[in-house]
Amino acid sequence: MTRIKLFKSVESELEALEAEVNDWIESSGAKVSDIKANIAPQSQGAGGMGSFSHSDILIAVTYE
C-alpha cells in the first residue's frame, strides 16, 4: 500500500530537516518511491523593510 509522510520546517533549519527525513527513512525501513519538496517564497516579516522571515519548507515522501 502506498503511503505519504510529510515533513515541515523553515529554511534556517534545513540541515536539521534533512537529518530528520534521513533518520526517519533509515529507522522506518520504508521503501521510498518518491520525494518532493517545496519552498515557499520569502515574505516580508513583521520587522519592517529589510526584515524577511524564513521560508517554509515542505517535504513529501511517498513510500511503501
PDB file of N, CA and C in Angstrom:
ATOM      1  N   MET A   1       0.839  -1.173   0.000  1.00  0.00           N
ATOM      2  CA  MET A   1       0.000   0.000   0.000  1.00  0.00           C
ATOM      3  C   MET A   1       0.895   1.250   0.000  1.00  0.00           C
ATOM      4  N   THR A   2       0.616   2.183  -0.879  1.00  0.00           N
ATOM      5  CA  THR A   2       1.363   3.429  -0.968  1.00  0.00           C
ATOM      6  C   THR A   2       0.898   4.386   0.120  1.00  0.00           C
ATOM      7  N   ARG A   3       1.867   5.026   0.769  1.00  0.00           N
ATOM      8  CA  ARG A   3       1.580   5.976   1.841  1.00  0.00           C
ATOM      9  C   ARG A   3       2.391   7.237   1.622  1.00  0.00           C
ATOM     10  N   ILE A   4       2.055   8.285   2.391  1.00  0.00           N
ATOM     11  CA  ILE A   4       2.788   9.544   2.305  1.00  0.00           C
ATOM     12  C   ILE A   4       3.151  10.007   3.714  1.00  0.00           C
ATOM     13  N   LYS A   5       4.328  10.582   3.837  1.00  0.00           N
ATOM     14  CA  LYS A   5       4.798  11.157   5.101  1.00  0.00           C
ATOM     15  C   LYS A   5       5.228  12.584   4.798  1.00  0.00           C
ATOM     16  N   LEU A   6       4.733  13.552   5.581  1.00  0.00           N
ATOM     17  CA  LEU A   6       5.052  14.953   5.367  1.00  0.00           C
ATOM     18  C   LEU A   6       5.998  15.456   6.453  1.00  0.00           C
ATOM     19  N   PHE A   7       6.929  16.283   6.043  1.00  0.00           N
ATOM     20  CA  PHE A   7       7.862  16.927   6.950  1.00  0.00           C
ATOM     21  C   PHE A   7       7.804  18.425   6.663  1.00  0.00           C
ATOM     22  N   LYS A   8       7.798  19.254   7.715  1.00  0.00           N
ATOM     23  CA  LYS A   8       7.729  20.704   7.529  1.00  0.00           C
ATOM     24  C   LYS A   8       8.741  21.374   8.436  1.00  0.00           C
ATOM     25  N   SER A   9       9.385  22.413   7.894  1.00  0.00           N
ATOM     26  CA  SER A   9      10.349  23.179   8.669  1.00  0.00           C
ATOM     27  C   SER A   9      10.508  24.543   8.017  1.00  0.00           C
ATOM     28  N   VAL A  10      11.528  25.266   8.427  1.00  0.00           N
ATOM     29  CA  VAL A  10      11.859  26.551   7.806  1.00  0.00           C
ATOM     30  C   VAL A  10      13.285  26.470   7.275  1.00  0.00           C
ATOM     31  N   GLU A  11      13.596  27.323   6.303  1.00  0.00           N
ATOM     32  CA  GLU A  11      14.869  27.208   5.606  1.00  0.00           C
ATOM     33  C   GLU A  11      16.077  27.388   6.521  1.00  0.00           C
ATOM     34  N   SER A  12      15.930  28.097   7.620  1.00  0.00           N
ATOM     35  CA  SER A  12      17.059  28.276   8.530  1.00  0.00           C
ATOM     36  C   SER A  12      17.412  26.979   9.258  1.00  0.00           C
ATOM     37  N   GLU A  13      16.529  25.986   9.201  1.00  0.00           N
ATOM     38  CA  GLU A  13      16.747  24.693   9.859  1.00  0.00           C
ATOM     39  C   GLU A  13      16.834  23.558   8.838  1.00  0.00           C
ATOM     40  N   LEU A  14      17.365  23.877   7.664  1.00  0.00           N
ATOM     41  CA  LEU A  14      17.402  22.917   6.560  1.00  0.00           C
ATOM     42  C   LEU A  14      18.211  21.669   6.898  1.00  0.00           C
ATOM     43  N   GLU A  15      19.372  21.828   7.510  1.00  0.00           N
ATOM     44  CA  GLU A  15      20.201  20.659   7.845  1.00  0.00           C
ATOM     45  C   GLU A  15      19.487  19.741   8.827  1.00  0.00           C
ATOM     46  N   ALA A  16      18.786  20.316   9.801  1.00  0.00           N
ATOM     47  CA  ALA A  16      18.033  19.506  10.762  1.00  0.00           C
ATOM     48  C   ALA A  16      16.893  18.769  10.072  1.00  0.00           C
ATOM     49  N   LEU A  17      16.256  19.417   9.098  1.00  0.00           N
ATOM     50  CA  LEU A  17      15.172  18.778   8.346  1.00  0.00           C
ATOM     51  C   LEU A  17      15.710  17.604   7.531  1.00  0.00           C
ATOM     52  N   GLU A  18      16.842  17.810   6.873  1.00  0.00           N
ATOM     53  CA  GLU A  18      17.460  16.723   6.109  1.00  0.00           C
ATOM     54  C   GLU A  18      17.767  15.544   7.024  1.00  0.00           C
ATOM     55  N   ALA A  19      18.319  15.825   8.187  1.00  0.00           N
ATOM     56  CA  ALA A  19      18.644  14.752   9.138  1.00  0.00           C
ATOM     57  C   ALA A  19      17.374  14.042   9.603  1.00  0.00           C
ATOM     58  N   GLU A  20      16.301  14.799   9.858  1.00  0.00           N
ATOM     59  CA  GLU A  20      15.041  14.198  10.295  1.00  0.00           C
ATOM     60  C   GLU A  20      14.485  13.252   9.240  1.00  0.00           C
ATOM     61  N   VAL A  21      14.484  13.692   7.976  1.00  0.00           N
ATOM     62  CA  VAL A  21      13.965  12.855   6.892  1.00  0.00           C
ATOM     63  C   VAL A  21      14.832  11.604   6.737  1.00  0.00           C
ATOM     64  N   ASN A  22      16.135  11.776   6.690  1.00  0.00           N
ATOM     65  CA  ASN A  22      17.026  10.631   6.525  1.00  0.00           C
ATOM     66  C   ASN A  22      16.943   9.658   7.697  1.00  0.00           C
ATOM     67  N   ASP A  23      16.854  10.183   8.921  1.00  0.00           N
ATOM     68  CA  ASP A  23      16.712   9.316  10.087  1.00  0.00           C
ATOM     69  C   ASP A  23      15.412   8.531  10.038  1.00  0.00           C
ATOM     70  N   TRP A  24      14.314   9.195   9.616  1.00  0.00           N
ATOM     71  CA  TRP A  24      13.027   8.505   9.525  1.00  0.00           C
ATOM     72  C   TRP A  24      13.098   7.388   8.484  1.00  0.00           C
ATOM     73  N   ILE A  25      13.684   7.676   7.326  1.00  0.00           N
ATOM     74  CA  ILE A  25      13.787   6.660   6.271  1.00  0.00           C
ATOM     75  C   ILE A  25      14.556   5.451   6.789  1.00  0.00           C
ATOM     76  N   GLU A  26      15.674   5.711   7.446  1.00  0.00           N
ATOM     77  CA  GLU A  26      16.504   4.608   7.950  1.00  0.00           C
ATOM     78  C   GLU A  26      15.801   3.821   9.058  1.00  0.00           C
ATOM     79  N   SER A  27      15.208   4.530  10.013  1.00  0.00           N
ATOM     80  CA  SER A  27      14.604   3.838  11.154  1.00  0.00           C
ATOM     81  C   SER A  27      13.291   3.138  10.812  1.00  0.00           C
ATOM     82  N   SER A  28      12.555   3.660   9.840  1.00  0.00           N
ATOM     83  CA  SER A  28      11.264   3.067   9.496  1.00  0.00           C
ATOM     84  C   SER A  28      11.396   1.868   8.571  1.00  0.00           C
ATOM     85  N   GLY A  29      12.491   1.836   7.814  1.00  0.00           N
ATOM     86  CA  GLY A  29      12.651   0.771   6.834  1.00  0.00           C
ATOM     87  C   GLY A  29      11.737   0.953   5.629  1.00  0.00           C
ATOM     88  N   ALA A  30      11.206   2.152   5.469  1.00  0.00           N
ATOM     89  CA  ALA A  30      10.293   2.426   4.368  1.00  0.00           C
ATOM     90  C   ALA A  30      10.994   2.278   3.020  1.00  0.00           C
ATOM     91  N   LYS A  31      10.257   1.747   2.059  1.00  0.00           N
ATOM     92  CA  LYS A  31      10.749   1.668   0.686  1.00  0.00           C
ATOM     93  C   LYS A  31      10.251   2.926  -0.026  1.00  0.00           C
ATOM     94  N   VAL A  32      11.138   3.928  -0.110  1.00  0.00           N
ATOM     95  CA  VAL A  32      10.770   5.230  -0.663  1.00  0.00           C
ATOM     96  C   VAL A  32      10.638   5.136  -2.173  1.00  0.00           C
ATOM     97  N   SER A  33       9.512   5.632  -2.692  1.00  0.00           N
ATOM     98  CA  SER A  33       9.317   5.631  -4.141  1.00  0.00           C
ATOM     99  C   SER A  33       9.471   7.022  -4.744  1.00  0.00           C
ATOM    100  N   ASP A  34       9.296   8.080  -3.914  1.00  0.00           N
ATOM    101  CA  ASP A  34       9.424   9.435  -4.441  1.00  0.00           C
ATOM    102  C   ASP A  34       9.559  10.420  -3.284  1.00  0.00           C
ATOM    103  N   ILE A  35      10.306  11.486  -3.531  1.00  0.00           N
ATOM    104  CA  ILE A  35      10.412  12.588  -2.576  1.00  0.00           C
ATOM    105  C   ILE A  35      10.214  13.885  -3.352  1.00  0.00           C
ATOM    106  N   LYS A  36       9.306  14.705  -2.871  1.00  0.00           N
ATOM    107  CA  LYS A  36       9.051  16.020  -3.469  1.00  0.00           C
ATOM    108  C   LYS A  36       9.232  17.063  -2.377  1.00  0.00           C
ATOM    109  N   ALA A  37       9.742  18.228  -2.775  1.00  0.00           N
ATOM    110  CA  ALA A  37       9.933  19.311  -1.809  1.00  0.00           C
ATOM    111  C   ALA A  37       9.436  20.611  -2.402  1.00  0.00           C
ATOM    112  N   ASN A  38       9.003  21.497  -1.516  1.00  0.00           N
ATOM    113  CA  ASN A  38       8.539  22.808  -1.933  1.00  0.00           C
ATOM    114  C   ASN A  38       9.018  23.836  -0.912  1.00  0.00           C
ATOM    115  N   ILE A  39       9.521  24.948  -1.410  1.00  0.00           N
ATOM    116  CA  ILE A  39       9.911  26.049  -0.538  1.00  0.00           C
ATOM    117  C   ILE A  39       9.033  27.242  -0.884  1.00  0.00           C
ATOM    118  N   ALA A  40       8.414  27.817   0.140  1.00  0.00           N
ATOM    119  CA  ALA A  40       7.536  28.965  -0.070  1.00  0.00           C
ATOM    120  C   ALA A  40       8.378  30.204  -0.357  1.00  0.00           C
ATOM    121  N   PRO A  41       7.853  31.132  -1.149  1.00  0.00           N
ATOM    122  CA  PRO A  41       8.584  32.371  -1.385  1.00  0.00           C
ATOM    123  C   PRO A  41       8.766  33.130  -0.078  1.00  0.00           C
ATOM    124  N   GLN A  42       9.876  33.840   0.029  1.00  0.00           N
ATOM    125  CA  GLN A  42      10.094  34.648   1.223  1.00  0.00           C
ATOM    126  C   GLN A  42       9.085  35.779   1.250  1.00  0.00           C
ATOM    127  N   SER A  43       8.636  36.088   2.446  1.00  0.00           N
ATOM    128  CA  SER A  43       7.704  37.198   2.603  1.00  0.00           C
ATOM    129  C   SER A  43       8.284  38.173   3.612  1.00  0.00           C
ATOM    130  N   GLN A  44       7.879  39.418   3.506  1.00  0.00           N
ATOM    131  CA  GLN A  44       8.393  40.418   4.433  1.00  0.00           C
ATOM    132  C   GLN A  44       7.859  40.130   5.819  1.00  0.00           C
ATOM    133  N   GLY A  45       8.754  40.094   6.780  1.00  0.00           N
ATOM    134  CA  GLY A  45       8.376  39.815   8.162  1.00  0.00           C
ATOM    135  C   GLY A  45       7.775  41.030   8.846  1.00  0.00           C
ATOM    136  N   ALA A  46       7.427  40.868  10.099  1.00  0.00           N
ATOM    137  CA  ALA A  46       6.798  41.937  10.867  1.00  0.00           C
ATOM    138  C   ALA A  46       7.783  43.034  11.241  1.00  0.00           C
ATOM    139  N   GLY A  47       9.075  42.800  11.022  1.00  0.00           N
ATOM    140  CA  GLY A  47      10.083  43.757  11.433  1.00  0.00           C
ATOM    141  C   GLY A  47      10.208  44.966  10.539  1.00  0.00           C
ATOM    142  N   GLY A  48       9.457  45.062   9.477  1.00  0.00           N
ATOM    143  CA  GLY A  48       9.514  46.225   8.601  1.00  0.00           C
ATOM    144  C   GLY A  48      10.413  45.998   7.409  1.00  0.00           C
ATOM    145  N   MET A  49      10.742  47.067   6.714  1.00  0.00           N
ATOM    146  CA  MET A  49      11.539  46.976   5.487  1.00  0.00           C
ATOM    147  C   MET A  49      12.894  46.346   5.774  1.00  0.00           C
ATOM    148  N   GLY A  50      13.310  45.468   4.898  1.00  0.00           N
ATOM    149  CA  GLY A  50      14.608  44.819   5.032  1.00  0.00           C
ATOM    150  C   GLY A  50      14.605  43.634   5.961  1.00  0.00           C
ATOM    151  N   SER A  51      13.512  43.360   6.618  1.00  0.00           N
ATOM    152  CA  SER A  51      13.426  42.230   7.539  1.00  0.00           C
ATOM    153  C   SER A  51      12.559  41.154   6.898  1.00  0.00           C
ATOM    154  N   PHE A  52      13.168  40.019   6.602  1.00  0.00           N
ATOM    155  CA  PHE A  52      12.436  38.950   5.939  1.00  0.00           C
ATOM    156  C   PHE A  52      12.364  37.732   6.846  1.00  0.00           C
ATOM    157  N   SER A  53      11.225  37.085   6.845  1.00  0.00           N
ATOM    158  CA  SER A  53      11.083  35.850   7.599  1.00  0.00           C
ATOM    159  C   SER A  53      11.640  34.699   6.769  1.00  0.00           C
ATOM    160  N   HIS A  54      11.920  33.601   7.434  1.00  0.00           N
ATOM    161  CA  HIS A  54      12.429  32.422   6.729  1.00  0.00           C
ATOM    162  C   HIS A  54      11.291  31.730   5.995  1.00  0.00           C
ATOM    163  N   SER A  55      11.604  31.175   4.846  1.00  0.00           N
ATOM    164  CA  SER A  55      10.609  30.475   4.045  1.00  0.00           C
ATOM    165  C   SER A  55      10.295  29.111   4.640  1.00  0.00           C
ATOM    166  N   ASP A  56       9.025  28.702   4.539  1.00  0.00           N
ATOM    167  CA  ASP A  56       8.615  27.364   4.957  1.00  0.00           C
ATOM    168  C   ASP A  56       9.062  26.357   3.912  1.00  0.00           C
ATOM    169  N   ILE A  57       9.444  25.179   4.379  1.00  0.00           N
ATOM    170  CA  ILE A  57       9.812  24.078   3.500  1.00  0.00           C
ATOM    171  C   ILE A  57       8.932  22.889   3.824  1.00  0.00           C
ATOM    172  N   LEU A  58       8.373  22.278   2.790  1.00  0.00           N
ATOM    173  CA  LEU A  58       7.543  21.089   2.950  1.00  0.00           C
ATOM    174  C   LEU A  58       8.160  19.974   2.112  1.00  0.00           C
ATOM    175  N   ILE A  59       8.346  18.817   2.741  1.00  0.00           N
ATOM    176  CA  ILE A  59       8.863  17.643   2.031  1.00  0.00           C
ATOM    177  C   ILE A  59       7.820  16.546   2.134  1.00  0.00           C
ATOM    178  N   ALA A  60       7.460  15.961   0.992  1.00  0.00           N
ATOM    179  CA  ALA A  60       6.508  14.853   0.942  1.00  0.00           C
ATOM    180  C   ALA A  60       7.246  13.604   0.472  1.00  0.00           C
ATOM    181  N   VAL A  61       7.216  12.576   1.291  1.00  0.00           N
ATOM    182  CA  VAL A  61       7.867  11.308   0.975  1.00  0.00           C
ATOM    183  C   VAL A  61       6.792  10.288   0.673  1.00  0.00           C
ATOM    184  N   THR A  62       6.799   9.724  -0.518  1.00  0.00           N
ATOM    185  CA  THR A  62       5.883   8.651  -0.880  1.00  0.00           C
ATOM    186  C   THR A  62       6.637   7.337  -0.703  1.00  0.00           C
ATOM    187  N   TYR A  63       5.996   6.395   0.002  1.00  0.00           N
ATOM    188  CA  TYR A  63       6.689   5.147   0.320  1.00  0.00           C
ATOM    189  C   TYR A  63       5.711   3.981   0.398  1.00  0.00           C
ATOM    190  N   GLU A  64       6.288   2.793   0.416  1.00  0.00           N
ATOM    191  CA  GLU A  64       5.503   1.561   0.572  1.00  0.00           C
ATOM    192  C   GLU A  64       5.651   1.081   1.995  1.00  0.00           C
TER     193      GLU A  64
END
